Amino acid sequence: MNINYKNRRRISLFLLLVGLPVYVIVAINILAFFERPSILLEVIIYLSLGIIWALPFKFIFKGIGQADPEQTE
């Protein structure tokens, strides 16, 4: 899948402003159904969930902080 730079920026902004908060709310609500684990296990769970959400979108975020490669100067 080849998405141009401008669309990747828009999608990444949407994911960070809308998708990530929704993911956090859903993750917290799902974990609330279970008995609270030890603090160490809880930290590991939240760190894992924090990394896992970005893996499917790695190709979208890659190179976003750099200048548009399609622009010629």
PDB file of N, CA and C in Angstrom:
ATOM      1  N   MET A   1       0.855  -1.169   0.000  1.00  0.00           N
ATOM      2  CA  MET A   1       0.000   0.000   0.000  1.00  0.00           C
ATOM      3  C   MET A   1       0.901   1.232   0.000  1.00  0.00           C
ATOM      4  N   ASN A   2       0.694   2.116  -0.971  1.00  0.00           N
ATOM      5  CA  ASN A   2       1.513   3.303  -1.101  1.00  0.00           C
ATOM      6  C   ASN A   2       0.629   4.539  -0.931  1.00  0.00           C
ATOM      7  N   ILE A   3       0.743   5.181   0.221  1.00  0.00           N
ATOM      8  CA  ILE A   3      -0.051   6.365   0.524  1.00  0.00           C
ATOM      9  C   ILE A   3       0.873   7.571   0.450  1.00  0.00           C
ATOM     10  N   ASN A   4       0.425   8.646  -0.203  1.00  0.00           N
ATOM     11  CA  ASN A   4       1.301   9.804  -0.314  1.00  0.00           C
ATOM     12  C   ASN A   4       1.499  10.480   1.045  1.00  0.00           C
ATOM     13  N   TYR A   5       2.498  11.334   1.106  1.00  0.00           N
ATOM     14  CA  TYR A   5       2.941  11.934   2.362  1.00  0.00           C
ATOM     15  C   TYR A   5       1.839  12.746   3.037  1.00  0.00           C
ATOM     16  N   LYS A   6       1.116  13.539   2.268  1.00  0.00           N
ATOM     17  CA  LYS A   6       0.077  14.400   2.849  1.00  0.00           C
ATOM     18  C   LYS A   6      -1.034  13.567   3.498  1.00  0.00           C
ATOM     19  N   ASN A   7      -1.450  12.503   2.841  1.00  0.00           N
ATOM     20  CA  ASN A   7      -2.487  11.635   3.408  1.00  0.00           C
ATOM     21  C   ASN A   7      -1.986  10.878   4.627  1.00  0.00           C
ATOM     22  N   ARG A   8      -0.714  10.449   4.608  1.00  0.00           N
ATOM     23  CA  ARG A   8      -0.139   9.788   5.781  1.00  0.00           C
ATOM     24  C   ARG A   8      -0.114  10.732   6.976  1.00  0.00           C
ATOM     25  N   ARG A   9       0.178  12.006   6.744  1.00  0.00           N
ATOM     26  CA  ARG A   9       0.171  12.988   7.838  1.00  0.00           C
ATOM     27  C   ARG A   9      -1.239  13.148   8.409  1.00  0.00           C
ATOM     28  N   ARG A  10      -2.225  13.207   7.540  1.00  0.00           N
ATOM     29  CA  ARG A  10      -3.617  13.342   7.996  1.00  0.00           C
ATOM     30  C   ARG A  10      -4.063  12.114   8.790  1.00  0.00           C
ATOM     31  N   ILE A  11      -3.739  10.941   8.281  1.00  0.00           N
ATOM     32  CA  ILE A  11      -4.121   9.709   8.959  1.00  0.00           C
ATOM     33  C   ILE A  11      -3.419   9.605  10.307  1.00  0.00           C
ATOM     34  N   SER A  12      -2.132   9.945  10.354  1.00  0.00           N
ATOM     35  CA  SER A  12      -1.401   9.855  11.620  1.00  0.00           C
ATOM     36  C   SER A  12      -1.948  10.847  12.644  1.00  0.00           C
ATOM     37  N   LEU A  13      -2.323  12.037  12.203  1.00  0.00           N
ATOM     38  CA  LEU A  13      -2.923  13.014  13.112  1.00  0.00           C
ATOM     39  C   LEU A  13      -4.250  12.503  13.656  1.00  0.00           C
ATOM     40  N   PHE A  14      -5.066  11.920  12.790  1.00  0.00           N
ATOM     41  CA  PHE A  14      -6.335  11.350  13.221  1.00  0.00           C
ATOM     42  C   PHE A  14      -6.122  10.220  14.222  1.00  0.00           C
ATOM     43  N   LEU A  15      -5.155   9.353  13.938  1.00  0.00           N
ATOM     44  CA  LEU A  15      -4.876   8.237  14.847  1.00  0.00           C
ATOM     45  C   LEU A  15      -4.424   8.732  16.211  1.00  0.00           C
ATOM     46  N   LEU A  16      -3.612   9.777  16.243  1.00  0.00           N
ATOM     47  CA  LEU A  16      -3.115  10.285  17.518  1.00  0.00           C
ATOM     48  C   LEU A  16      -4.170  11.058  18.296  1.00  0.00           C
ATOM     49  N   LEU A  17      -5.009  11.811  17.594  1.00  0.00           N
ATOM     50  CA  LEU A  17      -6.000  12.641  18.283  1.00  0.00           C
ATOM     51  C   LEU A  17      -7.309  11.924  18.594  1.00  0.00           C
ATOM     52  N   VAL A  18      -7.669  10.944  17.792  1.00  0.00           N
ATOM     53  CA  VAL A  18      -8.942  10.243  17.984  1.00  0.00           C
ATOM     54  C   VAL A  18      -8.716   8.767  18.333  1.00  0.00           C
ATOM     55  N   GLY A  19      -7.916   8.100  17.541  1.00  0.00           N
ATOM     56  CA  GLY A  19      -7.736   6.660  17.720  1.00  0.00           C
ATOM     57  C   GLY A  19      -7.063   6.278  19.021  1.00  0.00           C
ATOM     58  N   LEU A  20      -6.008   6.972  19.389  1.00  0.00           N
ATOM     59  CA  LEU A  20      -5.289   6.634  20.615  1.00  0.00           C
ATOM     60  C   LEU A  20      -6.132   6.851  21.867  1.00  0.00           C
ATOM     61  N   PRO A  21      -6.832   7.983  22.024  1.00  0.00           N
ATOM     62  CA  PRO A  21      -7.696   8.115  23.207  1.00  0.00           C
ATOM     63  C   PRO A  21      -8.796   7.056  23.270  1.00  0.00           C
ATOM     64  N   VAL A  22      -9.374   6.714  22.137  1.00  0.00           N
ATOM     65  CA  VAL A  22     -10.404   5.672  22.122  1.00  0.00           C
ATOM     66  C   VAL A  22      -9.791   4.335  22.536  1.00  0.00           C
ATOM     67  N   TYR A  23      -8.606   4.032  22.031  1.00  0.00           N
ATOM     68  CA  TYR A  23      -7.911   2.798  22.393  1.00  0.00           C
ATOM     69  C   TYR A  23      -7.629   2.748  23.894  1.00  0.00           C
ATOM     70  N   VAL A  24      -7.185   3.860  24.464  1.00  0.00           N
ATOM     71  CA  VAL A  24      -6.884   3.920  25.898  1.00  0.00           C
ATOM     72  C   VAL A  24      -8.152   3.679  26.715  1.00  0.00           C
ATOM     73  N   ILE A  25      -9.237   4.316  26.344  1.00  0.00           N
ATOM     74  CA  ILE A  25     -10.500   4.149  27.074  1.00  0.00           C
ATOM     75  C   ILE A  25     -10.986   2.710  26.999  1.00  0.00           C
ATOM     76  N   VAL A  26     -10.919   2.112  25.829  1.00  0.00           N
ATOM     77  CA  VAL A  26     -11.354   0.724  25.659  1.00  0.00           C
ATOM     78  C   VAL A  26     -10.461  -0.215  26.475  1.00  0.00           C
ATOM     79  N   ALA A  27      -9.138  -0.003  26.422  1.00  0.00           N
ATOM     80  CA  ALA A  27      -8.209  -0.869  27.159  1.00  0.00           C
ATOM     81  C   ALA A  27      -8.452  -0.780  28.662  1.00  0.00           C
ATOM     82  N   ILE A  28      -8.651   0.419  29.172  1.00  0.00           N
ATOM     83  CA  ILE A  28      -8.887   0.595  30.608  1.00  0.00           C
ATOM     84  C   ILE A  28     -10.206  -0.059  31.016  1.00  0.00           C
ATOM     85  N   ASN A  29     -11.242   0.089  30.206  1.00  0.00           N
ATOM     86  CA  ASN A  29     -12.536  -0.514  30.531  1.00  0.00           C
ATOM     87  C   ASN A  29     -12.483  -2.043  30.482  1.00  0.00           C
ATOM     88  N   ILE A  30     -11.743  -2.598  29.551  1.00  0.00           N
ATOM     89  CA  ILE A  30     -11.604  -4.058  29.494  1.00  0.00           C
ATOM     90  C   ILE A  30     -10.840  -4.558  30.707  1.00  0.00           C
ATOM     91  N   LEU A  31      -9.763  -3.873  31.079  1.00  0.00           N
ATOM     92  CA  LEU A  31      -8.982  -4.295  32.241  1.00  0.00           C
ATOM     93  C   LEU A  31      -9.750  -4.106  33.550  1.00  0.00           C
ATOM     94  N   ALA A  32     -10.735  -3.230  33.557  1.00  0.00           N
ATOM     95  CA  ALA A  32     -11.525  -3.005  34.770  1.00  0.00           C
ATOM     96  C   ALA A  32     -12.425  -4.200  35.102  1.00  0.00           C
ATOM     97  N   PHE A  33     -12.690  -5.057  34.114  1.00  0.00           N
ATOM     98  CA  PHE A  33     -13.507  -6.244  34.359  1.00  0.00           C
ATOM     99  C   PHE A  33     -12.776  -7.285  35.199  1.00  0.00           C
ATOM    100  N   PHE A  34     -11.457  -7.224  35.215  1.00  0.00           N
ATOM    101  CA  PHE A  34     -10.653  -8.207  35.932  1.00  0.00           C
ATOM    102  C   PHE A  34     -10.231  -7.660  37.291  1.00  0.00           C
ATOM    103  N   GLU A  35      -9.889  -8.573  38.168  1.00  0.00           N
ATOM    104  CA  GLU A  35      -9.377  -8.177  39.473  1.00  0.00           C
ATOM    105  C   GLU A  35      -8.037  -7.478  39.277  1.00  0.00           C
ATOM    106  N   ARG A  36      -7.784  -6.429  40.053  1.00  0.00           N
ATOM    107  CA  ARG A  36      -6.564  -5.645  39.873  1.00  0.00           C
ATOM    108  C   ARG A  36      -5.328  -6.496  40.186  1.00  0.00           C
ATOM    109  N   PRO A  37      -4.399  -6.597  39.218  1.00  0.00           N
ATOM    110  CA  PRO A  37      -3.190  -7.404  39.436  1.00  0.00           C
ATOM    111  C   PRO A  37      -2.170  -6.624  40.279  1.00  0.00           C
ATOM    112  N   SER A  38      -1.043  -7.241  40.532  1.00  0.00           N
ATOM    113  CA  SER A  38       0.015  -6.553  41.259  1.00  0.00           C
ATOM    114  C   SER A  38       0.489  -5.361  40.426  1.00  0.00           C
ATOM    115  N   ILE A  39       1.120  -4.402  41.070  1.00  0.00           N
ATOM    116  CA  ILE A  39       1.520  -3.176  40.390  1.00  0.00           C
ATOM    117  C   ILE A  39       2.518  -3.461  39.268  1.00  0.00           C
ATOM    118  N   LEU A  40       3.422  -4.400  39.482  1.00  0.00           N
ATOM    119  CA  LEU A  40       4.405  -4.738  38.452  1.00  0.00           C
ATOM    120  C   LEU A  40       3.720  -5.325  37.220  1.00  0.00           C
ATOM    121  N   LEU A  41       2.803  -6.242  37.427  1.00  0.00           N
ATOM    122  CA  LEU A  41       2.073  -6.833  36.304  1.00  0.00           C
ATOM    123  C   LEU A  41       1.220  -5.777  35.598  1.00  0.00           C
ATOM    124  N   GLU A  42       0.633  -4.876  36.356  1.00  0.00           N
ATOM    125  CA  GLU A  42      -0.188  -3.820  35.772  1.00  0.00           C
ATOM    126  C   GLU A  42       0.662  -2.895  34.889  1.00  0.00           C
ATOM    127  N   VAL A  43       1.861  -2.552  35.349  1.00  0.00           N
ATOM    128  CA  VAL A  43       2.767  -1.720  34.554  1.00  0.00           C
ATOM    129  C   VAL A  43       3.159  -2.438  33.273  1.00  0.00           C
ATOM    130  N   ILE A  44       3.453  -3.721  33.367  1.00  0.00           N
ATOM    131  CA  ILE A  44       3.823  -4.495  32.179  1.00  0.00           C
ATOM    132  C   ILE A  44       2.663  -4.552  31.188  1.00  0.00           C
ATOM    133  N   ILE A  45       1.452  -4.737  31.684  1.00  0.00           N
ATOM    134  CA  ILE A  45       0.276  -4.782  30.808  1.00  0.00           C
ATOM    135  C   ILE A  45       0.099  -3.453  30.075  1.00  0.00           C
ATOM    136  N   TYR A  46       0.172  -2.344  30.805  1.00  0.00           N
ATOM    137  CA  TYR A  46      -0.033  -1.040  30.169  1.00  0.00           C
ATOM    138  C   TYR A  46       1.109  -0.676  29.214  1.00  0.00           C
ATOM    139  N   LEU A  47       2.335  -1.040  29.550  1.00  0.00           N
ATOM    140  CA  LEU A  47       3.445  -0.799  28.627  1.00  0.00           C
ATOM    141  C   LEU A  47       3.281  -1.624  27.349  1.00  0.00           C
ATOM    142  N   SER A  48       2.873  -2.879  27.508  1.00  0.00           N
ATOM    143  CA  SER A  48       2.647  -3.728  26.340  1.00  0.00           C
ATOM    144  C   SER A  48       1.534  -3.178  25.460  1.00  0.00           C
ATOM    145  N   LEU A  49       0.442  -2.773  26.076  1.00  0.00           N
ATOM    146  CA  LEU A  49      -0.665  -2.200  25.304  1.00  0.00           C
ATOM    147  C   LEU A  49      -0.253  -0.900  24.629  1.00  0.00           C
ATOM    148  N   GLY A  50       0.620  -0.140  25.268  1.00  0.00           N
ATOM    149  CA  GLY A  50       1.101   1.107  24.681  1.00  0.00           C
ATOM    150  C   GLY A  50       1.957   0.897  23.458  1.00  0.00           C
ATOM    151  N   ILE A  51       2.656  -0.209  23.398  1.00  0.00           N
ATOM    152  CA  ILE A  51       3.485  -0.515  22.233  1.00  0.00           C
ATOM    153  C   ILE A  51       2.657  -1.194  21.151  1.00  0.00           C
ATOM    154  N   ILE A  52       1.785  -2.101  21.549  1.00  0.00           N
ATOM    155  CA  ILE A  52       1.013  -2.905  20.597  1.00  0.00           C
ATOM    156  C   ILE A  52       0.114  -2.051  19.702  1.00  0.00           C
ATOM    157  N   TRP A  53      -0.436  -0.940  20.217  1.00  0.00           N
ATOM    158  CA  TRP A  53      -1.381  -0.163  19.410  1.00  0.00           C
ATOM    159  C   TRP A  53      -0.718   0.431  18.172  1.00  0.00           C
ATOM    160  N   ALA A  54       0.584   0.718  18.254  1.00  0.00           N
ATOM    161  CA  ALA A  54       1.258   1.403  17.152  1.00  0.00           C
ATOM    162  C   ALA A  54       1.785   0.446  16.083  1.00  0.00           C
ATOM    163  N   LEU A  55       1.946  -0.812  16.400  1.00  0.00           N
ATOM    164  CA  LEU A  55       2.542  -1.748  15.444  1.00  0.00           C
ATOM    165  C   LEU A  55       1.794  -1.838  14.112  1.00  0.00           C
ATOM    166  N   PRO A  56       0.467  -1.909  14.092  1.00  0.00           N
ATOM    167  CA  PRO A  56      -0.205  -1.986  12.790  1.00  0.00           C
ATOM    168  C   PRO A  56      -0.078  -0.699  11.963  1.00  0.00           C
ATOM    169  N   PHE A  57       0.248   0.414  12.619  1.00  0.00           N
ATOM    170  CA  PHE A  57       0.303   1.703  11.927  1.00  0.00           C
ATOM    171  C   PHE A  57       1.731   2.203  11.704  1.00  0.00           C
ATOM    172  N   LYS A  58       2.701   1.322  11.871  1.00  0.00           N
ATOM    173  CA  LYS A  58       4.101   1.713  11.754  1.00  0.00           C
ATOM    174  C   LYS A  58       4.400   2.332  10.384  1.00  0.00           C
ATOM    175  N   PHE A  59       3.834   1.779   9.319  1.00  0.00           N
ATOM    176  CA  PHE A  59       4.100   2.297   7.979  1.00  0.00           C
ATOM    177  C   PHE A  59       3.521   3.700   7.782  1.00  0.00           C
ATOM    178  N   ILE A  60       2.492   4.056   8.531  1.00  0.00           N
ATOM    179  CA  ILE A  60       1.899   5.387   8.415  1.00  0.00           C
ATOM    180  C   ILE A  60       2.763   6.423   9.127  1.00  0.00           C
ATOM    181  N   PHE A  61       3.275   6.069  10.311  1.00  0.00           N
ATOM    182  CA  PHE A  61       4.056   7.014  11.098  1.00  0.00           C
ATOM    183  C   PHE A  61       5.490   7.177  10.606  1.00  0.00           C
ATOM    184  N   LYS A  62       5.988   6.239   9.832  1.00  0.00           N
ATOM    185  CA  LYS A  62       7.381   6.263   9.397  1.00  0.00           C
ATOM    186  C   LYS A  62       7.656   7.472   8.490  1.00  0.00           C
ATOM    187  N   GLY A  63       8.576   8.332   8.919  1.00  0.00           N
ATOM    188  CA  GLY A  63       8.996   9.483   8.128  1.00  0.00           C
ATOM    189  C   GLY A  63       8.102  10.700   8.228  1.00  0.00           C
ATOM    190  N   ILE A  64       7.116  10.712   9.105  1.00  0.00           N
ATOM    191  CA  ILE A  64       6.176  11.831   9.208  1.00  0.00           C
ATOM    192  C   ILE A  64       6.866  13.091   9.720  1.00  0.00           C
ATOM    193  N   GLY A  65       7.844  12.960  10.596  1.00  0.00           N
ATOM    194  CA  GLY A  65       8.515  14.131  11.169  1.00  0.00           C
ATOM    195  C   GLY A  65       9.516  14.790  10.236  1.00  0.00           C
ATOM    196  N   GLN A  66       9.727  14.209   9.082  1.00  0.00           N
ATOM    197  CA  GLN A  66      10.688  14.748   8.127  1.00  0.00           C
ATOM    198  C   GLN A  66       9.968  15.562   7.060  1.00  0.00           C
ATOM    199  N   ALA A  67      10.757  16.251   6.255  1.00  0.00           N
ATOM    200  CA  ALA A  67      10.187  17.069   5.184  1.00  0.00           C
ATOM    201  C   ALA A  67       9.507  16.165   4.135  1.00  0.00           C
ATOM    202  N   ASP A  68       8.561  16.742   3.422  1.00  0.00           N
ATOM    203  CA  ASP A  68       7.834  16.013   2.387  1.00  0.00           C
ATOM    204  C   ASP A  68       8.816  15.604   1.291  1.00  0.00           C
ATOM    205  N   PRO A  69       8.983  14.297   1.052  1.00  0.00           N
ATOM    206  CA  PRO A  69       9.926  13.861   0.034  1.00  0.00           C
ATOM    207  C   PRO A  69       9.453  14.158  -1.400  1.00  0.00           C
ATOM    208  N   GLU A  70       8.177  14.438  -1.563  1.00  0.00           N
ATOM    209  CA  GLU A  70       7.641  14.706  -2.901  1.00  0.00           C
ATOM    210  C   GLU A  70       7.814  16.157  -3.328  1.00  0.00           C
ATOM    211  N   GLN A  71       8.131  17.026  -2.371  1.00  0.00           N
ATOM    212  CA  GLN A  71       8.334  18.432  -2.694  1.00  0.00           C
ATOM    213  C   GLN A  71       9.736  18.626  -3.236  1.00  0.00           C
ATOM    214  N   THR A  72       9.857  19.407  -4.286  1.00  0.00           N
ATOM    215  CA  THR A  72      11.177  19.719  -4.820  1.00  0.00           C
ATOM    216  C   THR A  72      11.516  21.148  -4.436  1.00  0.00           C
ATOM    217  N   GLU A  73      12.753  21.329  -4.071  1.00  0.00           N
ATOM    218  CA  GLU A  73      13.179  22.677  -3.653  1.00  0.00           C
ATOM    219  C   GLU A  73      14.002  23.329  -4.711  1.00  0.00           C
TER     220      GLU A  73
END
